[in-house]
Amino acid sequence: HEGLTLEYSGPTLGLLHLTHWIKQITLAALMMNAFAPLGMAGDPAALPMAVVYFSGKLLVLGLLLAITETLTAKMRLFQMLDLMGFSFILAVTSLLFVAIGR
């Protein structure tokens, strides 16, 4: 997402950000309704309460996402060495399997 936004400015940059936010809210709504279907409206009279439930679930999910990203930002940087070492070991192992012929 960030690499694409470097080429745009003005209204087109705003539209790119808007589409990203719409995608995030759509994915969050799908996750929320799949794992916590509390407050889904079955009839038109329940729609105002469903909007309140949806807003609350979206707020909770947003807070959890913000906390998770804040806490794991540094951890991801330090885990990169483990990931690179593991991928190197897998690459060498696959080369050995190819060389042996199994």
PDB file of N, CA and C in Angstrom:
ATOM      1  N   HIS A   1       0.828  -1.193   0.000  1.00  0.00           N
ATOM      2  CA  HIS A   1       0.000   0.000   0.000  1.00  0.00           C
ATOM      3  C   HIS A   1       0.871   1.254   0.000  1.00  0.00           C
ATOM      4  N   GLU A   2       1.937   1.270   0.774  1.00  0.00           N
ATOM      5  CA  GLU A   2       2.738   2.480   0.898  1.00  0.00           C
ATOM      6  C   GLU A   2       3.538   2.771  -0.369  1.00  0.00           C
ATOM      7  N   GLY A   3       4.013   1.749  -1.052  1.00  0.00           N
ATOM      8  CA  GLY A   3       4.771   1.978  -2.278  1.00  0.00           C
ATOM      9  C   GLY A   3       3.922   2.594  -3.374  1.00  0.00           C
ATOM     10  N   LEU A   4       2.663   2.211  -3.422  1.00  0.00           N
ATOM     11  CA  LEU A   4       1.751   2.743  -4.430  1.00  0.00           C
ATOM     12  C   LEU A   4       1.454   4.217  -4.193  1.00  0.00           C
ATOM     13  N   THR A   5       1.403   4.632  -2.942  1.00  0.00           N
ATOM     14  CA  THR A   5       1.025   6.011  -2.644  1.00  0.00           C
ATOM     15  C   THR A   5       2.136   7.011  -2.929  1.00  0.00           C
ATOM     16  N   LEU A   6       3.346   6.564  -3.158  1.00  0.00           N
ATOM     17  CA  LEU A   6       4.445   7.490  -3.430  1.00  0.00           C
ATOM     18  C   LEU A   6       4.288   8.192  -4.771  1.00  0.00           C
ATOM     19  N   GLU A   7       3.554   7.603  -5.694  1.00  0.00           N
ATOM     20  CA  GLU A   7       3.415   8.167  -7.031  1.00  0.00           C
ATOM     21  C   GLU A   7       2.253   9.141  -7.163  1.00  0.00           C
ATOM     22  N   TYR A   8       1.430   9.267  -6.143  1.00  0.00           N
ATOM     23  CA  TYR A   8       0.221  10.072  -6.251  1.00  0.00           C
ATOM     24  C   TYR A   8       0.220  11.202  -5.232  1.00  0.00           C
ATOM     25  N   SER A   9      -0.563  12.236  -5.546  1.00  0.00           N
ATOM     26  CA  SER A   9      -0.782  13.329  -4.603  1.00  0.00           C
ATOM     27  C   SER A   9      -2.148  13.930  -4.884  1.00  0.00           C
ATOM     28  N   GLY A  10      -2.615  14.747  -3.969  1.00  0.00           N
ATOM     29  CA  GLY A  10      -3.890  15.427  -4.156  1.00  0.00           C
ATOM     30  C   GLY A  10      -5.077  14.505  -4.024  1.00  0.00           C
ATOM     31  N   PRO A  11      -6.105  14.736  -4.858  1.00  0.00           N
ATOM     32  CA  PRO A  11      -7.339  13.948  -4.754  1.00  0.00           C
ATOM     33  C   PRO A  11      -7.133  12.458  -5.029  1.00  0.00           C
ATOM     34  N   THR A  12      -6.226  12.111  -5.928  1.00  0.00           N
ATOM     35  CA  THR A  12      -6.011  10.682  -6.204  1.00  0.00           C
ATOM     36  C   THR A  12      -5.379   9.980  -5.007  1.00  0.00           C
ATOM     37  N   LEU A  13      -4.504  10.671  -4.280  1.00  0.00           N
ATOM     38  CA  LEU A  13      -3.943  10.092  -3.061  1.00  0.00           C
ATOM     39  C   LEU A  13      -5.032   9.909  -2.015  1.00  0.00           C
ATOM     40  N   GLY A  14      -5.931  10.885  -1.924  1.00  0.00           N
ATOM     41  CA  GLY A  14      -7.053  10.756  -1.004  1.00  0.00           C
ATOM     42  C   GLY A  14      -7.941   9.582  -1.360  1.00  0.00           C
ATOM     43  N   LEU A  15      -8.180   9.364  -2.651  1.00  0.00           N
ATOM     44  CA  LEU A  15      -8.997   8.224  -3.078  1.00  0.00           C
ATOM     45  C   LEU A  15      -8.306   6.897  -2.762  1.00  0.00           C
ATOM     46  N   LEU A  16      -6.974   6.854  -2.924  1.00  0.00           N
ATOM     47  CA  LEU A  16      -6.251   5.632  -2.577  1.00  0.00           C
ATOM     48  C   LEU A  16      -6.375   5.324  -1.089  1.00  0.00           C
ATOM     49  N   HIS A  17      -6.243   6.352  -0.261  1.00  0.00           N
ATOM     50  CA  HIS A  17      -6.393   6.140   1.178  1.00  0.00           C
ATOM     51  C   HIS A  17      -7.834   5.733   1.522  1.00  0.00           C
ATOM     52  N   LEU A  18      -8.797   6.338   0.873  1.00  0.00           N
ATOM     53  CA  LEU A  18     -10.192   5.991   1.120  1.00  0.00           C
ATOM     54  C   LEU A  18     -10.470   4.536   0.758  1.00  0.00           C
ATOM     55  N   THR A  19      -9.957   4.078  -0.375  1.00  0.00           N
ATOM     56  CA  THR A  19     -10.175   2.682  -0.763  1.00  0.00           C
ATOM     57  C   THR A  19      -9.490   1.731   0.214  1.00  0.00           C
ATOM     58  N   HIS A  20      -8.319   2.120   0.731  1.00  0.00           N
ATOM     59  CA  HIS A  20      -7.641   1.287   1.722  1.00  0.00           C
ATOM     60  C   HIS A  20      -8.473   1.192   3.001  1.00  0.00           C
ATOM     61  N   TRP A  21      -9.046   2.308   3.445  1.00  0.00           N
ATOM     62  CA  TRP A  21      -9.873   2.304   4.653  1.00  0.00           C
ATOM     63  C   TRP A  21     -11.137   1.483   4.449  1.00  0.00           C
ATOM     64  N   ILE A  22     -11.733   1.577   3.262  1.00  0.00           N
ATOM     65  CA  ILE A  22     -12.938   0.789   2.970  1.00  0.00           C
ATOM     66  C   ILE A  22     -12.600  -0.702   2.992  1.00  0.00           C
ATOM     67  N   LYS A  23     -11.452  -1.063   2.435  1.00  0.00           N
ATOM     68  CA  LYS A  23     -11.032  -2.464   2.444  1.00  0.00           C
ATOM     69  C   LYS A  23     -10.807  -2.948   3.875  1.00  0.00           C
ATOM     70  N   GLN A  24     -10.166  -2.129   4.702  1.00  0.00           N
ATOM     71  CA  GLN A  24      -9.919  -2.510   6.086  1.00  0.00           C
ATOM     72  C   GLN A  24     -11.230  -2.710   6.848  1.00  0.00           C
ATOM     73  N   ILE A  25     -12.182  -1.802   6.672  1.00  0.00           N
ATOM     74  CA  ILE A  25     -13.457  -1.914   7.383  1.00  0.00           C
ATOM     75  C   ILE A  25     -14.244  -3.120   6.884  1.00  0.00           C
ATOM     76  N   THR A  26     -14.192  -3.394   5.575  1.00  0.00           N
ATOM     77  CA  THR A  26     -14.888  -4.557   5.030  1.00  0.00           C
ATOM     78  C   THR A  26     -14.316  -5.849   5.595  1.00  0.00           C
ATOM     79  N   LEU A  27     -12.990  -5.970   5.625  1.00  0.00           N
ATOM     80  CA  LEU A  27     -12.372  -7.174   6.180  1.00  0.00           C
ATOM     81  C   LEU A  27     -12.651  -7.302   7.674  1.00  0.00           C
ATOM     82  N   ALA A  28     -12.622  -6.177   8.389  1.00  0.00           N
ATOM     83  CA  ALA A  28     -12.936  -6.208   9.821  1.00  0.00           C
ATOM     84  C   ALA A  28     -14.376  -6.629  10.043  1.00  0.00           C
ATOM     85  N   ALA A  29     -15.299  -6.127   9.225  1.00  0.00           N
ATOM     86  CA  ALA A  29     -16.712  -6.501   9.364  1.00  0.00           C
ATOM     87  C   ALA A  29     -16.912  -7.982   9.086  1.00  0.00           C
ATOM     88  N   LEU A  30     -16.233  -8.513   8.090  1.00  0.00           N
ATOM     89  CA  LEU A  30     -16.346  -9.948   7.810  1.00  0.00           C
ATOM     90  C   LEU A  30     -15.817 -10.774   8.969  1.00  0.00           C
ATOM     91  N   MET A  31     -14.666 -10.368   9.524  1.00  0.00           N
ATOM     92  CA  MET A  31     -14.108 -11.099  10.660  1.00  0.00           C
ATOM     93  C   MET A  31     -15.018 -11.014  11.871  1.00  0.00           C
ATOM     94  N   MET A  32     -15.517  -9.812  12.148  1.00  0.00           N
ATOM     95  CA  MET A  32     -16.373  -9.639  13.317  1.00  0.00           C
ATOM     96  C   MET A  32     -17.649 -10.464  13.203  1.00  0.00           C
ATOM     97  N   ASN A  33     -18.274 -10.444  12.044  1.00  0.00           N
ATOM     98  CA  ASN A  33     -19.533 -11.162  11.889  1.00  0.00           C
ATOM     99  C   ASN A  33     -19.331 -12.670  11.786  1.00  0.00           C
ATOM    100  N   ALA A  34     -18.131 -13.101  11.412  1.00  0.00           N
ATOM    101  CA  ALA A  34     -17.861 -14.533  11.363  1.00  0.00           C
ATOM    102  C   ALA A  34     -17.572 -15.086  12.758  1.00  0.00           C
ATOM    103  N   PHE A  35     -16.815 -14.338  13.562  1.00  0.00           N
ATOM    104  CA  PHE A  35     -16.389 -14.846  14.861  1.00  0.00           C
ATOM    105  C   PHE A  35     -17.226 -14.335  16.025  1.00  0.00           C
ATOM    106  N   ALA A  36     -17.912 -13.209  15.858  1.00  0.00           N
ATOM    107  CA  ALA A  36     -18.762 -12.669  16.932  1.00  0.00           C
ATOM    108  C   ALA A  36     -20.030 -12.098  16.312  1.00  0.00           C
ATOM    109  N   PRO A  37     -20.987 -12.958  15.956  1.00  0.00           N
ATOM    110  CA  PRO A  37     -22.190 -12.468  15.261  1.00  0.00           C
ATOM    111  C   PRO A  37     -23.211 -11.810  16.177  1.00  0.00           C
ATOM    112  N   LEU A  38     -22.768 -11.262  17.299  1.00  0.00           N
ATOM    113  CA  LEU A  38     -23.657 -10.604  18.239  1.00  0.00           C
ATOM    114  C   LEU A  38     -24.251  -9.342  17.628  1.00  0.00           C
ATOM    115  N   GLY A  39     -25.564  -9.198  17.703  1.00  0.00           N
ATOM    116  CA  GLY A  39     -26.225  -7.971  17.275  1.00  0.00           C
ATOM    117  C   GLY A  39     -26.509  -7.854  15.796  1.00  0.00           C
ATOM    118  N   MET A  40     -26.545  -8.952  15.064  1.00  0.00           N
ATOM    119  CA  MET A  40     -26.881  -8.873  13.647  1.00  0.00           C
ATOM    120  C   MET A  40     -28.388  -8.688  13.507  1.00  0.00           C
ATOM    121  N   ALA A  41     -28.796  -7.731  12.679  1.00  0.00           N
ATOM    122  CA  ALA A  41     -30.214  -7.379  12.559  1.00  0.00           C
ATOM    123  C   ALA A  41     -30.954  -8.404  11.706  1.00  0.00           C
ATOM    124  N   GLY A  42     -32.043  -8.931  12.250  1.00  0.00           N
ATOM    125  CA  GLY A  42     -32.892  -9.856  11.506  1.00  0.00           C
ATOM    126  C   GLY A  42     -34.112  -9.167  10.938  1.00  0.00           C
ATOM    127  N   ASP A  43     -34.500  -8.071  11.562  1.00  0.00           N
ATOM    128  CA  ASP A  43     -35.654  -7.306  11.089  1.00  0.00           C
ATOM    129  C   ASP A  43     -35.305  -5.814  11.139  1.00  0.00           C
ATOM    130  N   PRO A  44     -36.038  -4.988  10.397  1.00  0.00           N
ATOM    131  CA  PRO A  44     -35.698  -3.558  10.331  1.00  0.00           C
ATOM    132  C   PRO A  44     -35.786  -2.833  11.676  1.00  0.00           C
ATOM    133  N   ALA A  45     -36.579  -3.321  12.616  1.00  0.00           N
ATOM    134  CA  ALA A  45     -36.698  -2.658  13.918  1.00  0.00           C
ATOM    135  C   ALA A  45     -35.421  -2.793  14.740  1.00  0.00           C
ATOM    136  N   ALA A  46     -34.636  -3.841  14.491  1.00  0.00           N
ATOM    137  CA  ALA A  46     -33.413  -4.080  15.244  1.00  0.00           C
ATOM    138  C   ALA A  46     -32.199  -3.391  14.614  1.00  0.00           C
ATOM    139  N   LEU A  47     -32.397  -2.663  13.524  1.00  0.00           N
ATOM    140  CA  LEU A  47     -31.271  -2.046  12.817  1.00  0.00           C
ATOM    141  C   LEU A  47     -30.519  -1.016  13.654  1.00  0.00           C
ATOM    142  N   PRO A  48     -31.192  -0.115  14.395  1.00  0.00           N
ATOM    143  CA  PRO A  48     -30.404   0.850  15.199  1.00  0.00           C
ATOM    144  C   PRO A  48     -29.516   0.172  16.243  1.00  0.00           C
ATOM    145  N   MET A  49     -30.017  -0.850  16.868  1.00  0.00           N
ATOM    146  CA  MET A  49     -29.193  -1.553  17.863  1.00  0.00           C
ATOM    147  C   MET A  49     -28.064  -2.319  17.187  1.00  0.00           C
ATOM    148  N   ALA A  50     -28.306  -2.835  15.979  1.00  0.00           N
ATOM    149  CA  ALA A  50     -27.258  -3.530  15.243  1.00  0.00           C
ATOM    150  C   ALA A  50     -26.135  -2.576  14.868  1.00  0.00           C
ATOM    151  N   VAL A  51     -26.480  -1.331  14.531  1.00  0.00           N
ATOM    152  CA  VAL A  51     -25.453  -0.326  14.216  1.00  0.00           C
ATOM    153  C   VAL A  51     -24.611  -0.032  15.451  1.00  0.00           C
ATOM    154  N   VAL A  52     -25.252   0.028  16.616  1.00  0.00           N
ATOM    155  CA  VAL A  52     -24.514   0.258  17.869  1.00  0.00           C
ATOM    156  C   VAL A  52     -23.571  -0.907  18.154  1.00  0.00           C
ATOM    157  N   TYR A  53     -24.063  -2.135  18.010  1.00  0.00           N
ATOM    158  CA  TYR A  53     -23.215  -3.312  18.212  1.00  0.00           C
ATOM    159  C   TYR A  53     -22.056  -3.333  17.218  1.00  0.00           C
ATOM    160  N   PHE A  54     -22.340  -3.034  15.957  1.00  0.00           N
ATOM    161  CA  PHE A  54     -21.304  -3.033  14.931  1.00  0.00           C
ATOM    162  C   PHE A  54     -20.231  -2.003  15.254  1.00  0.00           C
ATOM    163  N   SER A  55     -20.649  -0.813  15.654  1.00  0.00           N
ATOM    164  CA  SER A  55     -19.685   0.238  15.992  1.00  0.00           C
ATOM    165  C   SER A  55     -18.831  -0.175  17.186  1.00  0.00           C
ATOM    166  N   GLY A  56     -19.453  -0.792  18.173  1.00  0.00           N
ATOM    167  CA  GLY A  56     -18.703  -1.255  19.342  1.00  0.00           C
ATOM    168  C   GLY A  56     -17.706  -2.342  18.994  1.00  0.00           C
ATOM    169  N   LYS A  57     -18.150  -3.304  18.174  1.00  0.00           N
ATOM    170  CA  LYS A  57     -17.235  -4.377  17.773  1.00  0.00           C
ATOM    171  C   LYS A  57     -16.098  -3.825  16.928  1.00  0.00           C
ATOM    172  N   LEU A  58     -16.394  -2.856  16.059  1.00  0.00           N
ATOM    173  CA  LEU A  58     -15.358  -2.249  15.234  1.00  0.00           C
ATOM    174  C   LEU A  58     -14.357  -1.480  16.091  1.00  0.00           C
ATOM    175  N   LEU A  59     -14.838  -0.801  17.111  1.00  0.00           N
ATOM    176  CA  LEU A  59     -13.951  -0.078  18.022  1.00  0.00           C
ATOM    177  C   LEU A  59     -13.044  -1.042  18.781  1.00  0.00           C
ATOM    178  N   VAL A  60     -13.608  -2.132  19.286  1.00  0.00           N
ATOM    179  CA  VAL A  60     -12.806  -3.113  20.016  1.00  0.00           C
ATOM    180  C   VAL A  60     -11.764  -3.746  19.099  1.00  0.00           C
ATOM    181  N   LEU A  61     -12.165  -4.115  17.885  1.00  0.00           N
ATOM    182  CA  LEU A  61     -11.221  -4.716  16.946  1.00  0.00           C
ATOM    183  C   LEU A  61     -10.128  -3.731  16.555  1.00  0.00           C
ATOM    184  N   GLY A  62     -10.481  -2.470  16.376  1.00  0.00           N
ATOM    185  CA  GLY A  62      -9.479  -1.455  16.064  1.00  0.00           C
ATOM    186  C   GLY A  62      -8.488  -1.259  17.190  1.00  0.00           C
ATOM    187  N   LEU A  63      -8.983  -1.256  18.430  1.00  0.00           N
ATOM    188  CA  LEU A  63      -8.077  -1.133  19.579  1.00  0.00           C
ATOM    189  C   LEU A  63      -7.152  -2.339  19.701  1.00  0.00           C
ATOM    190  N   LEU A  64      -7.697  -3.532  19.490  1.00  0.00           N
ATOM    191  CA  LEU A  64      -6.858  -4.733  19.538  1.00  0.00           C
ATOM    192  C   LEU A  64      -5.803  -4.724  18.443  1.00  0.00           C
ATOM    193  N   LEU A  65      -6.177  -4.279  17.262  1.00  0.00           N
ATOM    194  CA  LEU A  65      -5.225  -4.201  16.158  1.00  0.00           C
ATOM    195  C   LEU A  65      -4.134  -3.182  16.454  1.00  0.00           C
ATOM    196  N   ALA A  66      -4.504  -2.028  17.003  1.00  0.00           N
ATOM    197  CA  ALA A  66      -3.516  -1.000  17.323  1.00  0.00           C
ATOM    198  C   ALA A  66      -2.559  -1.471  18.409  1.00  0.00           C
ATOM    199  N   ILE A  67      -3.088  -2.129  19.439  1.00  0.00           N
ATOM    200  CA  ILE A  67      -2.228  -2.636  20.511  1.00  0.00           C
ATOM    201  C   ILE A  67      -1.288  -3.714  19.986  1.00  0.00           C
ATOM    202  N   THR A  68      -1.813  -4.614  19.164  1.00  0.00           N
ATOM    203  CA  THR A  68      -0.986  -5.689  18.608  1.00  0.00           C
ATOM    204  C   THR A  68       0.131  -5.138  17.741  1.00  0.00           C
ATOM    205  N   GLU A  69      -0.184  -4.195  16.866  1.00  0.00           N
ATOM    206  CA  GLU A  69       0.844  -3.634  16.000  1.00  0.00           C
ATOM    207  C   GLU A  69       1.877  -2.836  16.788  1.00  0.00           C
ATOM    208  N   THR A  70       1.449  -2.164  17.846  1.00  0.00           N
ATOM    209  CA  THR A  70       2.385  -1.399  18.657  1.00  0.00           C
ATOM    210  C   THR A  70       3.337  -2.313  19.411  1.00  0.00           C
ATOM    211  N   LEU A  71       2.825  -3.400  19.963  1.00  0.00           N
ATOM    212  CA  LEU A  71       3.663  -4.285  20.749  1.00  0.00           C
ATOM    213  C   LEU A  71       4.581  -5.160  19.906  1.00  0.00           C
ATOM    214  N   THR A  72       4.172  -5.487  18.692  1.00  0.00           N
ATOM    215  CA  THR A  72       4.976  -6.407  17.885  1.00  0.00           C
ATOM    216  C   THR A  72       5.872  -5.712  16.871  1.00  0.00           C
ATOM    217  N   ALA A  73       5.889  -4.394  16.827  1.00  0.00           N
ATOM    218  CA  ALA A  73       6.724  -3.715  15.832  1.00  0.00           C
ATOM    219  C   ALA A  73       8.206  -3.991  16.072  1.00  0.00           C
ATOM    220  N   LYS A  74       8.653  -3.838  17.299  1.00  0.00           N
ATOM    221  CA  LYS A  74      10.054  -4.114  17.617  1.00  0.00           C
ATOM    222  C   LYS A  74      10.354  -5.596  17.558  1.00  0.00           C
ATOM    223  N   MET A  75       9.407  -6.412  18.004  1.00  0.00           N
ATOM    224  CA  MET A  75       9.634  -7.838  18.030  1.00  0.00           C
ATOM    225  C   MET A  75       9.844  -8.386  16.620  1.00  0.00           C
ATOM    226  N   ARG A  76       9.099  -7.861  15.647  1.00  0.00           N
ATOM    227  CA  ARG A  76       9.256  -8.332  14.271  1.00  0.00           C
ATOM    228  C   ARG A  76      10.646  -8.030  13.743  1.00  0.00           C
ATOM    229  N   LEU A  77      11.193  -6.878  14.132  1.00  0.00           N
ATOM    230  CA  LEU A  77      12.533  -6.506  13.672  1.00  0.00           C
ATOM    231  C   LEU A  77      13.572  -7.479  14.202  1.00  0.00           C
ATOM    232  N   PHE A  78      13.460  -7.857  15.465  1.00  0.00           N
ATOM    233  CA  PHE A  78      14.431  -8.772  16.058  1.00  0.00           C
ATOM    234  C   PHE A  78      14.205 -10.211  15.623  1.00  0.00           C
ATOM    235  N   GLN A  79      13.000 -10.563  15.222  1.00  0.00           N
ATOM    236  CA  GLN A  79      12.728 -11.919  14.765  1.00  0.00           C
ATOM    237  C   GLN A  79      13.155 -12.145  13.324  1.00  0.00           C
ATOM    238  N   MET A  80      13.545 -11.089  12.639  1.00  0.00           N
ATOM    239  CA  MET A  80      13.952 -11.225  11.235  1.00  0.00           C
ATOM    240  C   MET A  80      15.177 -12.130  11.108  1.00  0.00           C
ATOM    241  N   LEU A  81      16.103 -12.046  12.055  1.00  0.00           N
ATOM    242  CA  LEU A  81      17.284 -12.900  11.997  1.00  0.00           C
ATOM    243  C   LEU A  81      16.910 -14.365  12.123  1.00  0.00           C
ATOM    244  N   ASP A  82      15.959 -14.688  12.994  1.00  0.00           N
ATOM    245  CA  ASP A  82      15.500 -16.071  13.120  1.00  0.00           C
ATOM    246  C   ASP A  82      14.842 -16.546  11.834  1.00  0.00           C
ATOM    247  N   LEU A  83      14.046 -15.690  11.223  1.00  0.00           N
ATOM    248  CA  LEU A  83      13.376 -16.046   9.981  1.00  0.00           C
ATOM    249  C   LEU A  83      14.379 -16.276   8.853  1.00  0.00           C
ATOM    250  N   MET A  84      15.372 -15.400   8.770  1.00  0.00           N
ATOM    251  CA  MET A  84      16.388 -15.556   7.722  1.00  0.00           C
ATOM    252  C   MET A  84      17.204 -16.833   7.938  1.00  0.00           C
ATOM    253  N   GLY A  85      17.565 -17.140   9.186  1.00  0.00           N
ATOM    254  CA  GLY A  85      18.305 -18.364   9.477  1.00  0.00           C
ATOM    255  C   GLY A  85      17.492 -19.601   9.152  1.00  0.00           C
ATOM    256  N   PHE A  86      16.210 -19.579   9.513  1.00  0.00           N
ATOM    257  CA  PHE A  86      15.343 -20.723   9.234  1.00  0.00           C
ATOM    258  C   PHE A  86      15.168 -20.924   7.728  1.00  0.00           C
ATOM    259  N   SER A  87      14.992 -19.830   6.987  1.00  0.00           N
ATOM    260  CA  SER A  87      14.837 -19.959   5.537  1.00  0.00           C
ATOM    261  C   SER A  87      16.131 -20.437   4.890  1.00  0.00           C
ATOM    262  N   PHE A  88      17.276 -20.045   5.425  1.00  0.00           N
ATOM    263  CA  PHE A  88      18.555 -20.528   4.894  1.00  0.00           C
ATOM    264  C   PHE A  88      18.688 -22.029   5.133  1.00  0.00           C
ATOM    265  N   ILE A  89      18.321 -22.481   6.330  1.00  0.00           N
ATOM    266  CA  ILE A  89      18.401 -23.918   6.625  1.00  0.00           C
ATOM    267  C   ILE A  89      17.457 -24.707   5.726  1.00  0.00           C
ATOM    268  N   LEU A  90      16.258 -24.204   5.490  1.00  0.00           N
ATOM    269  CA  LEU A  90      15.330 -24.880   4.577  1.00  0.00           C
ATOM    270  C   LEU A  90      15.873 -24.934   3.154  1.00  0.00           C
ATOM    271  N   ALA A  91      16.513 -23.838   2.704  1.00  0.00           N
ATOM    272  CA  ALA A  91      17.068 -23.816   1.354  1.00  0.00           C
ATOM    273  C   ALA A  91      18.200 -24.825   1.211  1.00  0.00           C
ATOM    274  N   VAL A  92      19.079 -24.890   2.198  1.00  0.00           N
ATOM    275  CA  VAL A  92      20.189 -25.850   2.144  1.00  0.00           C
ATOM    276  C   VAL A  92      19.661 -27.276   2.204  1.00  0.00           C
ATOM    277  N   THR A  93      18.662 -27.520   3.037  1.00  0.00           N
ATOM    278  CA  THR A  93      18.077 -28.855   3.124  1.00  0.00           C
ATOM    279  C   THR A  93      17.433 -29.268   1.809  1.00  0.00           C
ATOM    280  N   SER A  94      16.740 -28.350   1.170  1.00  0.00           N
ATOM    281  CA  SER A  94      16.122 -28.691  -0.114  1.00  0.00           C
ATOM    282  C   SER A  94      17.176 -28.939  -1.175  1.00  0.00           C
ATOM    283  N   LEU A  95      18.271 -28.191  -1.148  1.00  0.00           N
ATOM    284  CA  LEU A  95      19.362 -28.460  -2.101  1.00  0.00           C
ATOM    285  C   LEU A  95      19.982 -29.825  -1.857  1.00  0.00           C
ATOM    286  N   LEU A  96      20.129 -30.209  -0.588  1.00  0.00           N
ATOM    287  CA  LEU A  96      20.667 -31.527  -0.287  1.00  0.00           C
ATOM    288  C   LEU A  96      19.733 -32.633  -0.764  1.00  0.00           C
ATOM    289  N   PHE A  97      18.434 -32.456  -0.590  1.00  0.00           N
ATOM    290  CA  PHE A  97      17.473 -33.454  -1.086  1.00  0.00           C
ATOM    291  C   PHE A  97      17.524 -33.557  -2.610  1.00  0.00           C
ATOM    292  N   VAL A  98      17.696 -32.438  -3.289  1.00  0.00           N
ATOM    293  CA  VAL A  98      17.788 -32.472  -4.744  1.00  0.00           C
ATOM    294  C   VAL A  98      19.084 -33.165  -5.168  1.00  0.00           C
ATOM    295  N   ALA A  99      20.179 -32.870  -4.463  1.00  0.00           N
ATOM    296  CA  ALA A  99      21.463 -33.474  -4.805  1.00  0.00           C
ATOM    297  C   ALA A  99      21.456 -34.978  -4.542  1.00  0.00           C
ATOM    298  N   ILE A 100      20.806 -35.404  -3.467  1.00  0.00           N
ATOM    299  CA  ILE A 100      20.760 -36.832  -3.153  1.00  0.00           C
ATOM    300  C   ILE A 100      19.792 -37.550  -4.094  1.00  0.00           C
ATOM    301  N   GLY A 101      18.740 -36.870  -4.495  1.00  0.00           N
ATOM    302  CA  GLY A 101      17.793 -37.469  -5.433  1.00  0.00           C
ATOM    303  C   GLY A 101      16.580 -38.061  -4.768  1.00  0.00           C
ATOM    304  N   ARG A 102      16.220 -37.618  -3.591  1.00  0.00           N
ATOM    305  CA  ARG A 102      15.039 -38.151  -2.904  1.00  0.00           C
ATOM    306  C   ARG A 102      13.942 -37.178  -2.891  1.00  0.00           C
TER     307      ARG A 102
END
